[in-house]
Amino acid sequence: MKDDSNSTDKVGKQLTRRAFIKGAGAAAVVARIGTSRTPAANAASPAESDVLNGDGVVERLGPEAAAIELNINGTIRQVSVEPRVTLLEALRDHLGLYGTKLVCDRGACGACTVHLNGSPIISCMILAVDARGQRITTIEGLANGAGMHPVQRTFVEYDALQCGFCTPGMIMSVAAALNHNPNADLDEIKRAVSGNICRCGTYPHVVKAALAAATHSRGASQTKV
């Protein structure tokens, strides 16, 4: 006669495991029900967003457009945007500042680089509402009046552009690096533009232009002293 003891043991183990899993699942459901919040009272709809305003206070915006103020190139600009709109979209589509380029829209190419409080940031990766209360500088605001910025001038002199889509982002990255350190060397320049992609391959000219602008910046600093 066949010994069914092994089969019985297996069935017992399966039932034990099944019972454990069912029991753990039920406990998890009970715990979730006990800590859940009423959606209508506490949860934002998919079209709404919780954001921090300039005073650090959480506010709920959306789904409709909201009027906000942005400090762009030293001027307060008013714009009405939905909370999902990025700073890049606000600059181009709502304010007509087309110098900041839309290329990858994924934060990978650097073409949409602008300055936020003097530091380079990728404008397609920040919401316009999160830029309130910050100093935003675009390529249009880099020049001093009618004269070009030193980085803009050396980019022209050293032919550091071809199709031009990457150029504004490159210039903004280099300008931020030189503002931080007028004595930037080759390694610092390369590090500054490491997040900027040029499909035309003008990197050698970009580096030469950046180093020439650094020389100009050093001379200007020494003249001021």
Protein backbone atom coordinates (compact mmCIF):
# COMPACT_ATOMS: atom_id res chain seq x y z
CA MET A 1 0.00 0.00 0.00
CA LYS A 2 1.28 3.45 -0.93
CA ASP A 3 2.41 5.66 1.92
CA ASP A 4 0.55 9.00 1.68
CA SER A 5 2.38 10.61 4.58
CA ASN A 6 4.57 12.75 2.29
CA SER A 7 1.54 13.92 0.32
CA THR A 8 -0.26 14.77 3.53
CA ASP A 9 2.74 16.78 4.72
CA LYS A 10 2.88 18.68 1.44
CA VAL A 11 -0.82 19.50 1.57
CA GLY A 12 -0.43 20.65 5.15
CA LYS A 13 2.44 22.93 4.25
CA GLN A 14 0.52 24.38 1.29
CA LEU A 15 -2.51 25.06 3.44
CA THR A 16 -0.32 26.64 6.06
CA ARG A 17 1.32 28.95 3.54
CA ARG A 18 -2.04 29.80 1.99
CA ALA A 19 -3.55 30.57 5.34
CA PHE A 20 -0.61 32.76 6.25
CA ILE A 21 -0.79 34.74 2.99
CA LYS A 22 -4.56 35.19 3.30
CA GLY A 23 -4.21 36.29 6.89
CA ALA A 24 -1.43 38.76 6.10
CA GLY A 25 -3.44 40.18 3.19
CA ALA A 26 -6.50 40.68 5.33
CA ALA A 27 -4.44 42.42 8.01
CA ALA A 28 -2.96 44.76 5.41
CA VAL A 29 -6.42 45.65 4.09
CA VAL A 30 -7.69 46.36 7.60
CA ALA A 31 -4.66 48.53 8.36
CA ARG A 32 -5.13 50.46 5.10
CA ILE A 33 -8.82 51.04 5.78
CA GLY A 34 -8.00 52.26 9.25
CA THR A 35 -5.50 54.87 7.99
CA SER A 36 -7.17 55.93 4.72
CA ARG A 37 -8.35 59.49 4.16
CA THR A 38 -11.58 60.66 2.59
CA PRO A 39 -10.67 61.42 -1.05
CA ALA A 40 -13.09 64.29 -1.40
CA ALA A 41 -11.67 66.03 1.64
CA ASN A 42 -7.97 65.26 1.50
CA ALA A 43 -6.78 64.01 -1.91
CA ALA A 44 -5.99 66.24 -4.86
CA SER A 45 -7.57 65.34 -8.17
CA PRO A 46 -5.20 64.21 -10.97
CA ALA A 47 -5.35 67.72 -12.43
CA GLU A 48 -4.49 69.48 -9.16
CA SER A 49 -1.04 70.11 -7.70
CA ASP A 50 0.23 71.03 -4.25
CA VAL A 51 3.03 73.58 -4.56
CA LEU A 52 5.01 75.84 -2.25
CA ASN A 53 4.47 79.52 -2.81
CA GLY A 54 7.14 82.17 -2.32
CA ASP A 55 6.44 82.26 1.41
CA GLY A 56 6.96 78.52 1.80
CA VAL A 57 3.25 77.88 2.31
CA VAL A 58 1.61 74.89 0.59
CA GLU A 59 -1.18 75.91 -1.74
CA ARG A 60 -3.35 73.91 -4.09
CA LEU A 61 -3.53 74.99 -7.72
CA GLY A 62 -5.47 73.64 -10.67
CA PRO A 63 -6.88 72.35 -12.77
CA GLU A 64 -7.61 75.77 -14.28
CA ALA A 65 -4.91 78.33 -15.07
CA ALA A 66 -3.71 80.62 -12.31
CA ALA A 67 -2.20 84.10 -12.59
CA ILE A 68 1.39 84.19 -11.33
CA GLU A 69 4.30 86.63 -11.38
CA LEU A 70 7.81 85.74 -12.56
CA ASN A 71 10.94 87.86 -12.22
CA ILE A 72 12.50 87.48 -15.66
CA ASN A 73 15.56 89.44 -16.74
CA GLY A 74 14.96 91.99 -14.03
CA THR A 75 11.32 92.61 -14.95
CA ILE A 76 8.22 91.27 -13.21
CA ARG A 77 6.11 89.46 -15.81
CA GLN A 78 2.56 88.31 -15.22
CA VAL A 79 1.38 85.11 -16.85
CA SER A 80 -1.63 82.82 -16.51
CA VAL A 81 -0.62 79.16 -16.60
CA GLU A 82 -1.88 75.79 -15.42
CA PRO A 83 0.19 74.28 -12.59
CA ARG A 84 1.50 71.57 -14.94
CA VAL A 85 3.20 74.12 -17.25
CA THR A 86 6.99 74.06 -17.09
CA LEU A 87 9.14 77.15 -16.90
CA LEU A 88 10.35 76.43 -20.44
CA GLU A 89 6.77 76.34 -21.76
CA ALA A 90 5.91 79.54 -19.90
CA LEU A 91 8.93 81.34 -21.37
CA ARG A 92 8.30 80.25 -24.95
CA ASP A 93 4.54 79.76 -25.28
CA HIS A 94 3.25 82.41 -22.90
CA LEU A 95 5.93 85.12 -22.80
CA GLY A 96 7.44 84.96 -26.30
CA LEU A 97 11.02 84.39 -25.11
CA TYR A 98 12.10 81.98 -27.84
CA GLY A 99 15.83 82.12 -27.15
CA THR A 100 15.46 79.30 -24.63
CA LYS A 101 15.22 76.25 -26.87
CA LEU A 102 12.88 73.27 -26.65
CA VAL A 103 14.77 70.20 -27.86
CA CYS A 104 14.56 67.01 -25.79
CA ASP A 105 12.01 68.19 -23.17
CA ARG A 106 13.50 65.53 -20.88
CA GLY A 107 16.30 67.37 -19.09
CA ALA A 108 18.94 65.54 -21.12
CA CYS A 109 20.31 68.02 -23.68
CA GLY A 110 20.78 71.34 -21.85
CA ALA A 111 19.37 73.48 -24.69
CA CYS A 112 16.81 75.07 -22.35
CA THR A 113 19.35 76.16 -19.72
CA VAL A 114 18.54 79.41 -17.93
CA HIS A 115 19.81 80.98 -14.71
CA LEU A 116 17.82 80.74 -11.51
CA ASN A 117 19.29 83.08 -8.89
CA GLY A 118 22.53 82.99 -10.87
CA SER A 119 22.80 79.21 -11.12
CA PRO A 120 22.20 77.24 -14.34
CA ILE A 121 19.07 75.08 -14.35
CA ILE A 122 17.19 73.02 -16.93
CA SER A 123 13.96 74.93 -17.46
CA CYS A 124 12.03 71.95 -18.86
CA MET A 125 12.41 70.20 -15.49
CA ILE A 126 10.96 72.92 -13.24
CA LEU A 127 7.36 74.08 -13.06
CA ALA A 128 6.68 77.74 -13.73
CA VAL A 129 4.82 78.06 -10.40
CA ASP A 130 7.93 76.82 -8.58
CA ALA A 131 10.00 79.62 -10.11
CA ARG A 132 7.99 82.34 -8.41
CA GLY A 133 10.06 84.56 -6.17
CA GLN A 134 13.28 83.56 -7.99
CA ARG A 135 15.50 85.64 -10.28
CA ILE A 136 15.25 84.14 -13.75
CA THR A 137 17.73 85.09 -16.46
CA THR A 138 17.31 83.91 -20.04
CA ILE A 139 19.61 84.34 -23.04
CA GLU A 140 17.67 87.51 -23.91
CA GLY A 141 18.67 89.09 -20.61
CA LEU A 142 22.34 88.11 -20.65
CA ALA A 143 23.58 91.04 -22.74
CA ASN A 144 24.28 94.45 -21.24
CA GLY A 145 21.96 96.70 -23.19
CA ALA A 146 22.79 96.70 -26.90
CA GLY A 147 26.24 95.14 -26.37
CA MET A 148 26.70 91.39 -26.38
CA HIS A 149 27.83 89.49 -23.32
CA PRO A 150 31.53 88.46 -23.55
CA VAL A 151 30.51 84.82 -23.95
CA GLN A 152 28.11 85.69 -26.76
CA ARG A 153 30.82 87.71 -28.50
CA THR A 154 33.48 85.00 -28.30
CA PHE A 155 30.99 82.37 -29.54
CA VAL A 156 30.62 84.49 -32.68
CA GLU A 157 34.36 85.16 -33.00
CA TYR A 158 35.31 81.49 -32.64
CA ASP A 159 32.43 80.15 -34.76
CA ALA A 160 31.16 78.07 -31.84
CA LEU A 161 27.77 77.36 -33.39
CA GLN A 162 26.24 75.68 -36.39
CA CYS A 163 22.52 74.91 -36.31
CA GLY A 164 22.18 77.06 -33.17
CA PHE A 165 19.73 74.93 -31.17
CA CYS A 166 22.27 74.11 -28.45
CA THR A 167 23.91 77.56 -28.50
CA PRO A 168 21.73 79.47 -25.99
CA GLY A 169 22.06 76.68 -23.43
CA MET A 170 25.82 76.44 -24.01
CA ILE A 171 26.23 80.19 -23.55
CA MET A 172 24.15 80.21 -20.38
CA SER A 173 26.17 77.35 -18.89
CA VAL A 174 29.50 79.02 -19.71
CA ALA A 175 28.31 82.41 -18.47
CA ALA A 176 27.23 80.90 -15.15
CA ALA A 177 30.62 79.21 -14.76
CA LEU A 178 32.49 82.47 -15.44
CA ASN A 179 30.22 84.42 -13.11
CA HIS A 180 31.12 81.91 -10.43
CA ASN A 181 34.82 81.90 -11.27
CA PRO A 182 36.26 84.41 -13.80
CA ASN A 183 39.50 82.38 -13.70
CA ALA A 184 37.83 79.16 -14.88
CA ASP A 185 40.30 76.81 -16.56
CA LEU A 186 39.81 74.15 -19.22
CA ASP A 187 38.57 71.49 -16.79
CA GLU A 188 36.02 73.84 -15.26
CA ILE A 189 34.75 74.86 -18.68
CA LYS A 190 34.36 71.25 -19.76
CA ARG A 191 32.56 70.46 -16.53
CA ALA A 192 30.25 73.46 -16.99
CA VAL A 193 29.06 72.32 -20.44
CA SER A 194 29.10 68.59 -19.70
CA GLY A 195 25.29 68.60 -19.63
CA ASN A 196 24.94 70.42 -22.95
CA ILE A 197 24.71 68.30 -26.09
CA CYS A 198 25.79 69.63 -29.48
CA ARG A 199 24.72 67.31 -32.30
CA CYS A 200 26.80 69.34 -34.75
CA GLY A 201 29.97 68.54 -32.79
CA THR A 202 31.28 72.08 -32.25
CA TYR A 203 32.73 71.27 -28.84
CA PRO A 204 36.34 72.34 -29.67
CA HIS A 205 35.11 75.77 -30.79
CA VAL A 206 32.85 76.04 -27.73
CA VAL A 207 35.81 75.40 -25.44
CA LYS A 208 38.01 77.93 -27.28
CA ALA A 209 35.26 80.54 -27.10
CA ALA A 210 34.70 79.87 -23.40
CA LEU A 211 38.41 80.16 -22.60
CA ALA A 212 38.61 83.42 -24.59
CA ALA A 213 35.63 84.76 -22.62
CA ALA A 214 37.37 83.71 -19.40
CA THR A 215 40.43 85.71 -20.43
CA HIS A 216 38.19 88.71 -21.09
CA SER A 217 36.49 88.25 -17.72
CA ARG A 218 39.85 88.11 -15.95
CA GLY A 219 40.92 91.31 -17.67
CA ALA A 220 37.69 93.04 -16.72
CA SER A 221 38.08 91.94 -13.10
CA GLN A 222 41.65 93.24 -12.95
CA THR A 223 40.56 96.55 -14.51
CA LYS A 224 37.85 97.01 -11.84
CA VAL A 225 40.36 96.35 -9.09
